[in-house]
Amino acid sequence: FGGGTVQPYEHLAEVSSLCHDAGLSLHLDGARLWNAHAA
């Protein structure tokens, strides 16, 4: 619903580190992860 936006990899990595440092888990709804990879 954001318009097929690709999450910048560096943003994802930053959130991943943030979550794991805080003891939280992280789920990816990558329904169209193939499109992010292609782009």
Full PDB file with SEQRES, HELIX, SHEET, SSBOND, CRYST1, ORIGX, SCALE, CONECT and MASTER records, all heavy atoms in Angstrom:
SEQRES   1 A   39  PHE GLY GLY GLY THR VAL GLN PRO TYR GLU HIS LEU ALA          
SEQRES   2 A   39  GLU VAL SER SER LEU CYS HIS ASP ALA GLY LEU SER LEU          
SEQRES   3 A   39  HIS LEU ASP GLY ALA ARG LEU TRP ASN ALA HIS ALA ALA          
HELIX    1 AA1 TYR A    9  ASP A   21  1                                  13    
HELIX    2 AA2 LEU A   33  ALA A   38  1                                   6    
CRYST1    1.000    1.000    1.000  90.00  90.00  90.00 P 1           1          
ORIGX1      1.000000  0.000000  0.000000        0.00000                         
ORIGX2      0.000000  1.000000  0.000000        0.00000                         
ORIGX3      0.000000  0.000000  1.000000        0.00000                         
SCALE1      1.000000  0.000000  0.000000        0.00000                         
SCALE2      0.000000  1.000000  0.000000        0.00000                         
SCALE3      0.000000  0.000000  1.000000        0.00000                         
ATOM      1  N   PHE A   1       0.810  -1.212   0.000  1.00  0.00           N  
ATOM      2  CA  PHE A   1       0.000   0.000   0.000  1.00  0.00           C  
ATOM      3  C   PHE A   1       0.846   1.266   0.000  1.00  0.00           C  
ATOM      4  O   PHE A   1       0.319   2.365  -0.175  1.00  0.00           O  
ATOM      5  CB  PHE A   1      -0.965  -0.008   1.185  1.00  0.00           C  
ATOM      6  CG  PHE A   1      -1.975  -1.131   1.126  1.00  0.00           C  
ATOM      7  CD1 PHE A   1      -2.293  -1.866   2.248  1.00  0.00           C  
ATOM      8  CD2 PHE A   1      -2.597  -1.456  -0.067  1.00  0.00           C  
ATOM      9  CE1 PHE A   1      -3.208  -2.899   2.192  1.00  0.00           C  
ATOM     10  CE2 PHE A   1      -3.517  -2.494  -0.137  1.00  0.00           C  
ATOM     11  CZ  PHE A   1      -3.828  -3.223   0.993  1.00  0.00           C  
ATOM     12  N   GLY A   2       2.143   1.120   0.184  1.00  0.00           N  
ATOM     13  CA  GLY A   2       3.048   2.249   0.031  1.00  0.00           C  
ATOM     14  C   GLY A   2       3.389   2.533  -1.419  1.00  0.00           C  
ATOM     15  O   GLY A   2       4.105   3.485  -1.713  1.00  0.00           O  
ATOM     16  N   GLY A   3       2.899   1.687  -2.327  1.00  0.00           N  
ATOM     17  CA  GLY A   3       3.148   1.885  -3.749  1.00  0.00           C  
ATOM     18  C   GLY A   3       4.264   1.013  -4.287  1.00  0.00           C  
ATOM     19  O   GLY A   3       4.987   1.419  -5.196  1.00  0.00           O  
ATOM     20  N   GLY A   4       4.412  -0.188  -3.756  1.00  0.00           N  
ATOM     21  CA  GLY A   4       5.471  -1.081  -4.223  1.00  0.00           C  
ATOM     22  C   GLY A   4       6.854  -0.615  -3.828  1.00  0.00           C  
ATOM     23  O   GLY A   4       7.843  -0.931  -4.495  1.00  0.00           O  
ATOM     24  N   THR A   5       6.936   0.108  -2.703  1.00  0.00           N  
ATOM     25  CA  THR A   5       8.207   0.678  -2.257  1.00  0.00           C  
ATOM     26  C   THR A   5       9.210  -0.406  -1.875  1.00  0.00           C  
ATOM     27  O   THR A   5       8.875  -1.354  -1.158  1.00  0.00           O  
ATOM     28  CB  THR A   5       7.973   1.584  -1.030  1.00  0.00           C  
ATOM     29  OG1 THR A   5       7.011   2.571  -1.370  1.00  0.00           O  
ATOM     30  CG2 THR A   5       9.265   2.245  -0.583  1.00  0.00           C  
ATOM     31  N   VAL A   6      10.442  -0.239  -2.324  1.00  0.00           N  
ATOM     32  CA  VAL A   6      11.541  -1.098  -1.895  1.00  0.00           C  
ATOM     33  C   VAL A   6      12.140  -0.504  -0.622  1.00  0.00           C  
ATOM     34  O   VAL A   6      12.539   0.666  -0.599  1.00  0.00           O  
ATOM     35  CB  VAL A   6      12.623  -1.201  -2.987  1.00  0.00           C  
ATOM     36  CG1 VAL A   6      13.803  -2.026  -2.488  1.00  0.00           C  
ATOM     37  CG2 VAL A   6      12.037  -1.809  -4.265  1.00  0.00           C  
ATOM     38  N   GLN A   7      12.193  -1.301   0.425  1.00  0.00           N  
ATOM     39  CA  GLN A   7      12.840  -0.839   1.652  1.00  0.00           C  
ATOM     40  C   GLN A   7      14.355  -0.780   1.416  1.00  0.00           C  
ATOM     41  O   GLN A   7      14.960  -1.782   1.048  1.00  0.00           O  
ATOM     42  CB  GLN A   7      12.556  -1.807   2.813  1.00  0.00           C  
ATOM     43  CG  GLN A   7      11.095  -1.998   3.138  1.00  0.00           C  
ATOM     44  CD  GLN A   7      10.514  -0.849   3.934  1.00  0.00           C  
ATOM     45  OE1 GLN A   7      11.210   0.071   4.341  1.00  0.00           O  
ATOM     46  NE2 GLN A   7       9.212  -0.900   4.181  1.00  0.00           N  
ATOM     47  N   PRO A   8      14.989   0.369   1.608  1.00  0.00           N  
ATOM     48  CA  PRO A   8      16.449   0.433   1.440  1.00  0.00           C  
ATOM     49  C   PRO A   8      17.148  -0.573   2.352  1.00  0.00           C  
ATOM     50  O   PRO A   8      16.803  -0.687   3.534  1.00  0.00           O  
ATOM     51  CB  PRO A   8      16.785   1.877   1.836  1.00  0.00           C  
ATOM     52  CG  PRO A   8      15.510   2.634   1.609  1.00  0.00           C  
ATOM     53  CD  PRO A   8      14.409   1.680   1.961  1.00  0.00           C  
ATOM     54  N   TYR A   9      18.105  -1.275   1.797  1.00  0.00           N  
ATOM     55  CA  TYR A   9      18.751  -2.349   2.566  1.00  0.00           C  
ATOM     56  C   TYR A   9      19.366  -1.823   3.855  1.00  0.00           C  
ATOM     57  O   TYR A   9      19.286  -2.476   4.907  1.00  0.00           O  
ATOM     58  CB  TYR A   9      19.818  -3.051   1.713  1.00  0.00           C  
ATOM     59  CG  TYR A   9      20.486  -4.181   2.452  1.00  0.00           C  
ATOM     60  CD1 TYR A   9      19.870  -5.421   2.551  1.00  0.00           C  
ATOM     61  CD2 TYR A   9      21.719  -4.000   3.081  1.00  0.00           C  
ATOM     62  CE1 TYR A   9      20.459  -6.464   3.256  1.00  0.00           C  
ATOM     63  CE2 TYR A   9      22.318  -5.034   3.783  1.00  0.00           C  
ATOM     64  CZ  TYR A   9      21.679  -6.253   3.868  1.00  0.00           C  
ATOM     65  OH  TYR A   9      22.261  -7.279   4.572  1.00  0.00           O  
ATOM     66  N   GLU A  10      19.973  -0.634   3.793  1.00  0.00           N  
ATOM     67  CA  GLU A  10      20.622  -0.110   4.995  1.00  0.00           C  
ATOM     68  C   GLU A  10      19.589   0.185   6.087  1.00  0.00           C  
ATOM     69  O   GLU A  10      19.895   0.044   7.282  1.00  0.00           O  
ATOM     70  CB  GLU A  10      21.422   1.151   4.669  1.00  0.00           C  
ATOM     71  CG  GLU A  10      20.648   2.306   4.071  1.00  0.00           C  
ATOM     72  CD  GLU A  10      20.514   2.248   2.563  1.00  0.00           C  
ATOM     73  OE1 GLU A  10      20.742   1.158   1.973  1.00  0.00           O  
ATOM     74  OE2 GLU A  10      20.181   3.311   1.968  1.00  0.00           O  
ATOM     75  N   HIS A  11      18.366   0.548   5.710  1.00  0.00           N  
ATOM     76  CA  HIS A  11      17.308   0.752   6.702  1.00  0.00           C  
ATOM     77  C   HIS A  11      16.933  -0.573   7.345  1.00  0.00           C  
ATOM     78  O   HIS A  11      16.740  -0.649   8.563  1.00  0.00           O  
ATOM     79  CB  HIS A  11      16.077   1.368   6.040  1.00  0.00           C  
ATOM     80  CG  HIS A  11      16.227   2.808   5.684  1.00  0.00           C  
ATOM     81  ND1 HIS A  11      15.173   3.704   5.705  1.00  0.00           N  
ATOM     82  CD2 HIS A  11      17.297   3.530   5.293  1.00  0.00           C  
ATOM     83  CE1 HIS A  11      15.595   4.897   5.346  1.00  0.00           C  
ATOM     84  NE2 HIS A  11      16.880   4.812   5.081  1.00  0.00           N  
ATOM     85  N   LEU A  12      16.802  -1.610   6.527  1.00  0.00           N  
ATOM     86  CA  LEU A  12      16.463  -2.927   7.058  1.00  0.00           C  
ATOM     87  C   LEU A  12      17.531  -3.424   8.017  1.00  0.00           C  
ATOM     88  O   LEU A  12      17.226  -3.974   9.084  1.00  0.00           O  
ATOM     89  CB  LEU A  12      16.282  -3.921   5.915  1.00  0.00           C  
ATOM     90  CG  LEU A  12      15.164  -3.637   4.912  1.00  0.00           C  
ATOM     91  CD1 LEU A  12      15.165  -4.690   3.818  1.00  0.00           C  
ATOM     92  CD2 LEU A  12      13.806  -3.582   5.607  1.00  0.00           C  
ATOM     93  N   ALA A  13      18.779  -3.236   7.638  1.00  0.00           N  
ATOM     94  CA  ALA A  13      19.880  -3.685   8.501  1.00  0.00           C  
ATOM     95  C   ALA A  13      19.885  -2.926   9.819  1.00  0.00           C  
ATOM     96  O   ALA A  13      20.150  -3.500  10.890  1.00  0.00           O  
ATOM     97  CB  ALA A  13      21.212  -3.506   7.776  1.00  0.00           C  
ATOM     98  N   GLU A  14      19.572  -1.639   9.760  1.00  0.00           N  
ATOM     99  CA  GLU A  14      19.537  -0.834  10.983  1.00  0.00           C  
ATOM    100  C   GLU A  14      18.420  -1.290  11.905  1.00  0.00           C  
ATOM    101  O   GLU A  14      18.611  -1.425  13.121  1.00  0.00           O  
ATOM    102  CB  GLU A  14      19.363   0.641  10.619  1.00  0.00           C  
ATOM    103  CG  GLU A  14      19.456   1.588  11.800  1.00  0.00           C  
ATOM    104  CD  GLU A  14      19.325   3.048  11.400  1.00  0.00           C  
ATOM    105  OE1 GLU A  14      19.070   3.326  10.212  1.00  0.00           O  
ATOM    106  OE2 GLU A  14      19.471   3.907  12.297  1.00  0.00           O  
ATOM    107  N   VAL A  15      17.236  -1.548  11.344  1.00  0.00           N  
ATOM    108  CA  VAL A  15      16.125  -2.024  12.163  1.00  0.00           C  
ATOM    109  C   VAL A  15      16.419  -3.415  12.720  1.00  0.00           C  
ATOM    110  O   VAL A  15      16.091  -3.724  13.875  1.00  0.00           O  
ATOM    111  CB  VAL A  15      14.814  -2.026  11.354  1.00  0.00           C  
ATOM    112  CG1 VAL A  15      13.681  -2.649  12.159  1.00  0.00           C  
ATOM    113  CG2 VAL A  15      14.442  -0.615  10.932  1.00  0.00           C  
ATOM    114  N   SER A  16      17.050  -4.266  11.923  1.00  0.00           N  
ATOM    115  CA  SER A  16      17.407  -5.600  12.392  1.00  0.00           C  
ATOM    116  C   SER A  16      18.336  -5.534  13.603  1.00  0.00           C  
ATOM    117  O   SER A  16      18.116  -6.209  14.620  1.00  0.00           O  
ATOM    118  CB  SER A  16      18.071  -6.387  11.261  1.00  0.00           C  
ATOM    119  OG  SER A  16      18.436  -7.682  11.684  1.00  0.00           O  
ATOM    120  N   SER A  17      19.354  -4.705  13.518  1.00  0.00           N  
ATOM    121  CA  SER A  17      20.280  -4.553  14.648  1.00  0.00           C  
ATOM    122  C   SER A  17      19.563  -3.978  15.863  1.00  0.00           C  
ATOM    123  O   SER A  17      19.777  -4.426  16.997  1.00  0.00           O  
ATOM    124  CB  SER A  17      21.444  -3.640  14.256  1.00  0.00           C  
ATOM    125  OG  SER A  17      22.224  -4.226  13.243  1.00  0.00           O  
ATOM    126  N   LEU A  18      18.712  -3.004  15.631  1.00  0.00           N  
ATOM    127  CA  LEU A  18      17.958  -2.381  16.711  1.00  0.00           C  
ATOM    128  C   LEU A  18      17.107  -3.417  17.445  1.00  0.00           C  
ATOM    129  O   LEU A  18      17.102  -3.477  18.689  1.00  0.00           O  
ATOM    130  CB  LEU A  18      17.069  -1.282  16.139  1.00  0.00           C  
ATOM    131  CG  LEU A  18      16.102  -0.580  17.088  1.00  0.00           C  
ATOM    132  CD1 LEU A  18      16.871   0.277  18.080  1.00  0.00           C  
ATOM    133  CD2 LEU A  18      15.114   0.269  16.287  1.00  0.00           C  
ATOM    134  N   CYS A  19      16.392  -4.223  16.688  1.00  0.00           N  
ATOM    135  CA  CYS A  19      15.519  -5.228  17.295  1.00  0.00           C  
ATOM    136  C   CYS A  19      16.307  -6.260  18.080  1.00  0.00           C  
ATOM    137  O   CYS A  19      15.974  -6.584  19.232  1.00  0.00           O  
ATOM    138  CB  CYS A  19      14.693  -5.922  16.213  1.00  0.00           C  
ATOM    139  SG  CYS A  19      13.397  -4.897  15.501  1.00  0.00           S  
ATOM    140  N   HIS A  20      17.338  -6.770  17.471  1.00  0.00           N  
ATOM    141  CA  HIS A  20      18.074  -7.847  18.128  1.00  0.00           C  
ATOM    142  C   HIS A  20      18.847  -7.338  19.336  1.00  0.00           C  
ATOM    143  O   HIS A  20      18.981  -8.046  20.339  1.00  0.00           O  
ATOM    144  CB  HIS A  20      18.952  -8.559  17.106  1.00  0.00           C  
ATOM    145  CG  HIS A  20      18.156  -9.240  16.039  1.00  0.00           C  
ATOM    146  ND1 HIS A  20      18.563  -9.326  14.722  1.00  0.00           N  
ATOM    147  CD2 HIS A  20      16.944  -9.855  16.087  1.00  0.00           C  
ATOM    148  CE1 HIS A  20      17.647  -9.975  14.016  1.00  0.00           C  
ATOM    149  NE2 HIS A  20      16.658 -10.298  14.817  1.00  0.00           N  
ATOM    150  N   ASP A  21      19.309  -6.103  19.298  1.00  0.00           N  
ATOM    151  CA  ASP A  21      19.959  -5.514  20.478  1.00  0.00           C  
ATOM    152  C   ASP A  21      18.961  -5.343  21.622  1.00  0.00           C  
ATOM    153  O   ASP A  21      19.336  -5.410  22.798  1.00  0.00           O  
ATOM    154  CB  ASP A  21      20.577  -4.150  20.122  1.00  0.00           C  
ATOM    155  CG  ASP A  21      21.810  -4.274  19.254  1.00  0.00           C  
ATOM    156  OD1 ASP A  21      22.331  -5.393  19.110  1.00  0.00           O  
ATOM    157  OD2 ASP A  21      22.245  -3.240  18.701  1.00  0.00           O  
ATOM    158  N   ALA A  22      17.694  -5.116  21.268  1.00  0.00           N  
ATOM    159  CA  ALA A  22      16.656  -4.931  22.281  1.00  0.00           C  
ATOM    160  C   ALA A  22      16.003  -6.235  22.714  1.00  0.00           C  
ATOM    161  O   ALA A  22      15.095  -6.233  23.549  1.00  0.00           O  
ATOM    162  CB  ALA A  22      15.584  -3.974  21.749  1.00  0.00           C  
ATOM    163  N   GLY A  23      16.438  -7.349  22.124  1.00  0.00           N  
ATOM    164  CA  GLY A  23      15.856  -8.640  22.460  1.00  0.00           C  
ATOM    165  C   GLY A  23      14.519  -8.905  21.796  1.00  0.00           C  
ATOM    166  O   GLY A  23      13.750  -9.759  22.240  1.00  0.00           O  
ATOM    167  N   LEU A  24      14.226  -8.174  20.715  1.00  0.00           N  
ATOM    168  CA  LEU A  24      12.988  -8.361  19.965  1.00  0.00           C  
ATOM    169  C   LEU A  24      13.253  -9.167  18.702  1.00  0.00           C  
ATOM    170  O   LEU A  24      14.363  -9.183  18.171  1.00  0.00           O  
ATOM    171  CB  LEU A  24      12.380  -7.008  19.592  1.00  0.00           C  
ATOM    172  CG  LEU A  24      12.071  -6.053  20.740  1.00  0.00           C  
ATOM    173  CD1 LEU A  24      11.451  -4.768  20.202  1.00  0.00           C  
ATOM    174  CD2 LEU A  24      11.159  -6.700  21.766  1.00  0.00           C  
ATOM    175  N   SER A  25      12.216  -9.804  18.207  1.00  0.00           N  
ATOM    176  CA  SER A  25      12.306 -10.565  16.965  1.00  0.00           C  
ATOM    177  C   SER A  25      11.822  -9.716  15.800  1.00  0.00           C  
ATOM    178  O   SER A  25      11.189  -8.675  15.986  1.00  0.00           O  
ATOM    179  CB  SER A  25      11.486 -11.851  17.069  1.00  0.00           C  
ATOM    180  OG  SER A  25      11.979 -12.684  18.103  1.00  0.00           O  
ATOM    181  N   LEU A  26      12.096 -10.190  14.582  1.00  0.00           N  
ATOM    182  CA  LEU A  26      11.787  -9.415  13.380  1.00  0.00           C  
ATOM    183  C   LEU A  26      11.226 -10.338  12.303  1.00  0.00           C  
ATOM    184  O   LEU A  26      11.850 -11.336  11.936  1.00  0.00           O  
ATOM    185  CB  LEU A  26      13.061  -8.728  12.878  1.00  0.00           C  
ATOM    186  CG  LEU A  26      12.930  -7.683  11.770  1.00  0.00           C  
ATOM    187  CD1 LEU A  26      12.033  -6.528  12.183  1.00  0.00           C  
ATOM    188  CD2 LEU A  26      14.317  -7.152  11.394  1.00  0.00           C  
ATOM    189  N   HIS A  27      10.031  -9.981  11.825  1.00  0.00           N  
ATOM    190  CA  HIS A  27       9.366 -10.737  10.754  1.00  0.00           C  
ATOM    191  C   HIS A  27       9.349  -9.916   9.476  1.00  0.00           C  
ATOM    192  O   HIS A  27       9.100  -8.698   9.508  1.00  0.00           O  
ATOM    193  CB  HIS A  27       7.931 -11.077  11.152  1.00  0.00           C  
ATOM    194  CG  HIS A  27       7.126 -11.700  10.046  1.00  0.00           C  
ATOM    195  ND1 HIS A  27       7.359 -12.989   9.601  1.00  0.00           N  
ATOM    196  CD2 HIS A  27       6.100 -11.212   9.279  1.00  0.00           C  
ATOM    197  CE1 HIS A  27       6.505 -13.273   8.623  1.00  0.00           C  
ATOM    198  NE2 HIS A  27       5.742 -12.206   8.398  1.00  0.00           N  
ATOM    199  N   LEU A  28       9.578 -10.571   8.352  1.00  0.00           N  
ATOM    200  CA  LEU A  28       9.492  -9.920   7.052  1.00  0.00           C  
ATOM    201  C   LEU A  28       8.313 -10.467   6.267  1.00  0.00           C  
ATOM    202  O   LEU A  28       8.258 -11.671   5.971  1.00  0.00           O  
ATOM    203  CB  LEU A  28      10.768 -10.146   6.229  1.00  0.00           C  
ATOM    204  CG  LEU A  28      10.711  -9.613   4.793  1.00  0.00           C  
ATOM    205  CD1 LEU A  28      10.537  -8.101   4.760  1.00  0.00           C  
ATOM    206  CD2 LEU A  28      11.963 -10.015   4.007  1.00  0.00           C  
ATOM    207  N   ASP A  29       7.363  -9.584   5.958  1.00  0.00           N  
ATOM    208  CA  ASP A  29       6.351  -9.905   4.964  1.00  0.00           C  
ATOM    209  C   ASP A  29       6.977  -9.584   3.611  1.00  0.00           C  
ATOM    210  O   ASP A  29       6.933  -8.454   3.137  1.00  0.00           O  
ATOM    211  CB  ASP A  29       5.089  -9.083   5.206  1.00  0.00           C  
ATOM    212  CG  ASP A  29       4.004  -9.356   4.160  1.00  0.00           C  
ATOM    213  OD1 ASP A  29       4.256 -10.165   3.241  1.00  0.00           O  
ATOM    214  OD2 ASP A  29       2.929  -8.743   4.251  1.00  0.00           O  
ATOM    215  N   GLY A  30       7.565 -10.589   3.025  1.00  0.00           N  
ATOM    216  CA  GLY A  30       8.254 -10.431   1.745  1.00  0.00           C  
ATOM    217  C   GLY A  30       7.449 -11.004   0.601  1.00  0.00           C  
ATOM    218  O   GLY A  30       8.021 -11.627  -0.305  1.00  0.00           O  
ATOM    219  N   ALA A  31       6.145 -10.771   0.633  1.00  0.00           N  
ATOM    220  CA  ALA A  31       5.287 -11.295  -0.432  1.00  0.00           C  
ATOM    221  C   ALA A  31       5.854 -10.960  -1.807  1.00  0.00           C  
ATOM    222  O   ALA A  31       5.852 -11.790  -2.715  1.00  0.00           O  
ATOM    223  CB  ALA A  31       3.873 -10.733  -0.290  1.00  0.00           C  
ATOM    224  N   ARG A  32       6.376  -9.732  -1.930  1.00  0.00           N  
ATOM    225  CA  ARG A  32       6.984  -9.308  -3.200  1.00  0.00           C  
ATOM    226  C   ARG A  32       8.476  -9.023  -3.020  1.00  0.00           C  
ATOM    227  O   ARG A  32       9.034  -8.135  -3.675  1.00  0.00           O  
ATOM    228  CB  ARG A  32       6.245  -8.081  -3.749  1.00  0.00           C  
ATOM    229  CG  ARG A  32       4.796  -8.365  -4.140  1.00  0.00           C  
ATOM    230  CD  ARG A  32       4.084  -7.137  -4.674  1.00  0.00           C  
ATOM    231  NE  ARG A  32       2.733  -7.432  -5.126  1.00  0.00           N  
ATOM    232  CZ  ARG A  32       1.659  -7.442  -4.341  1.00  0.00           C  
ATOM    233  NH1 ARG A  32       1.780  -7.152  -3.049  1.00  0.00           N  
ATOM    234  NH2 ARG A  32       0.459  -7.729  -4.833  1.00  0.00           N  
ATOM    235  N   LEU A  33       9.132  -9.802  -2.163  1.00  0.00           N  
ATOM    236  CA  LEU A  33      10.570  -9.651  -2.001  1.00  0.00           C  
ATOM    237  C   LEU A  33      11.301  -9.922  -3.312  1.00  0.00           C  
ATOM    238  O   LEU A  33      12.359  -9.338  -3.584  1.00  0.00           O  
ATOM    239  CB  LEU A  33      11.087 -10.613  -0.921  1.00  0.00           C  
ATOM    240  CG  LEU A  33      12.562 -10.457  -0.536  1.00  0.00           C  
ATOM    241  CD1 LEU A  33      12.828  -9.095   0.095  1.00  0.00           C  
ATOM    242  CD2 LEU A  33      12.998 -11.576   0.403  1.00  0.00           C  
ATOM    243  N   TRP A  34      10.737 -10.786  -4.137  1.00  0.00           N  
ATOM    244  CA  TRP A  34      11.323 -11.057  -5.452  1.00  0.00           C  
ATOM    245  C   TRP A  34      11.436  -9.763  -6.262  1.00  0.00           C  
ATOM    246  O   TRP A  34      12.423  -9.554  -6.968  1.00  0.00           O  
ATOM    247  CB  TRP A  34      10.459 -12.064  -6.221  1.00  0.00           C  
ATOM    248  CG  TRP A  34       9.954 -13.213  -5.420  1.00  0.00           C  
ATOM    249  CD1 TRP A  34       8.662 -13.441  -5.039  1.00  0.00           C  
ATOM    250  CD2 TRP A  34      10.722 -14.301  -4.890  1.00  0.00           C  
ATOM    251  NE1 TRP A  34       8.580 -14.607  -4.323  1.00  0.00           N  
ATOM    252  CE2 TRP A  34       9.816 -15.155  -4.216  1.00  0.00           C  
ATOM    253  CE3 TRP A  34      12.075 -14.651  -4.936  1.00  0.00           C  
ATOM    254  CZ2 TRP A  34      10.219 -16.330  -3.584  1.00  0.00           C  
ATOM    255  CZ3 TRP A  34      12.481 -15.818  -4.297  1.00  0.00           C  
ATOM    256  CH2 TRP A  34      11.568 -16.636  -3.630  1.00  0.00           C  
ATOM    257  N   ASN A  35      10.431  -8.887  -6.161  1.00  0.00           N  
ATOM    258  CA  ASN A  35      10.468  -7.614  -6.885  1.00  0.00           C  
ATOM    259  C   ASN A  35      11.544  -6.692  -6.329  1.00  0.00           C  
ATOM    260  O   ASN A  35      12.218  -5.979  -7.086  1.00  0.00           O  
ATOM    261  CB  ASN A  35       9.109  -6.920  -6.815  1.00  0.00           C  
ATOM    262  CG  ASN A  35       8.031  -7.679  -7.571  1.00  0.00           C  
ATOM    263  OD1 ASN A  35       7.394  -8.572  -7.015  1.00  0.00           O  
ATOM    264  ND2 ASN A  35       7.826  -7.345  -8.828  1.00  0.00           N  
ATOM    265  N   ALA A  36      11.714  -6.686  -5.001  1.00  0.00           N  
ATOM    266  CA  ALA A  36      12.785  -5.883  -4.408  1.00  0.00           C  
ATOM    267  C   ALA A  36      14.141  -6.368  -4.881  1.00  0.00           C  
ATOM    268  O   ALA A  36      15.032  -5.572  -5.219  1.00  0.00           O  
ATOM    269  CB  ALA A  36      12.693  -5.947  -2.886  1.00  0.00           C  
ATOM    270  N   HIS A  37      14.316  -7.670  -4.926  1.00  0.00           N  
ATOM    271  CA  HIS A  37      15.566  -8.266  -5.416  1.00  0.00           C  
ATOM    272  C   HIS A  37      15.803  -7.901  -6.878  1.00  0.00           C  
ATOM    273  O   HIS A  37      16.916  -7.511  -7.262  1.00  0.00           O  
ATOM    274  CB  HIS A  37      15.487  -9.785  -5.240  1.00  0.00           C  
ATOM    275  CG  HIS A  37      16.512 -10.563  -5.990  1.00  0.00           C  
ATOM    276  ND1 HIS A  37      17.858 -10.501  -5.701  1.00  0.00           N  
ATOM    277  CD2 HIS A  37      16.381 -11.414  -7.043  1.00  0.00           C  
ATOM    278  CE1 HIS A  37      18.518 -11.296  -6.530  1.00  0.00           C  
ATOM    279  NE2 HIS A  37      17.649 -11.848  -7.353  1.00  0.00           N  
ATOM    280  N   ALA A  38      14.750  -7.990  -7.695  1.00  0.00           N  
ATOM    281  CA  ALA A  38      14.893  -7.661  -9.119  1.00  0.00           C  
ATOM    282  C   ALA A  38      15.229  -6.190  -9.319  1.00  0.00           C  
ATOM    283  O   ALA A  38      15.982  -5.831 -10.234  1.00  0.00           O  
ATOM    284  CB  ALA A  38      13.605  -8.016  -9.866  1.00  0.00           C  
ATOM    285  N   ALA A  39      14.681  -5.327  -8.468  1.00  0.00           N  
ATOM    286  CA  ALA A  39      14.887  -3.886  -8.625  1.00  0.00           C  
ATOM    287  C   ALA A  39      16.251  -3.429  -8.129  1.00  0.00           C  
ATOM    288  O   ALA A  39      16.809  -2.462  -8.655  1.00  0.00           O  
ATOM    289  CB  ALA A  39      13.794  -3.115  -7.882  1.00  0.00           C  
TER     290      ALA A  39                                                      
MASTER        0    0    0    2    0    0    0    6  289    1    0    3          
END                                                                             
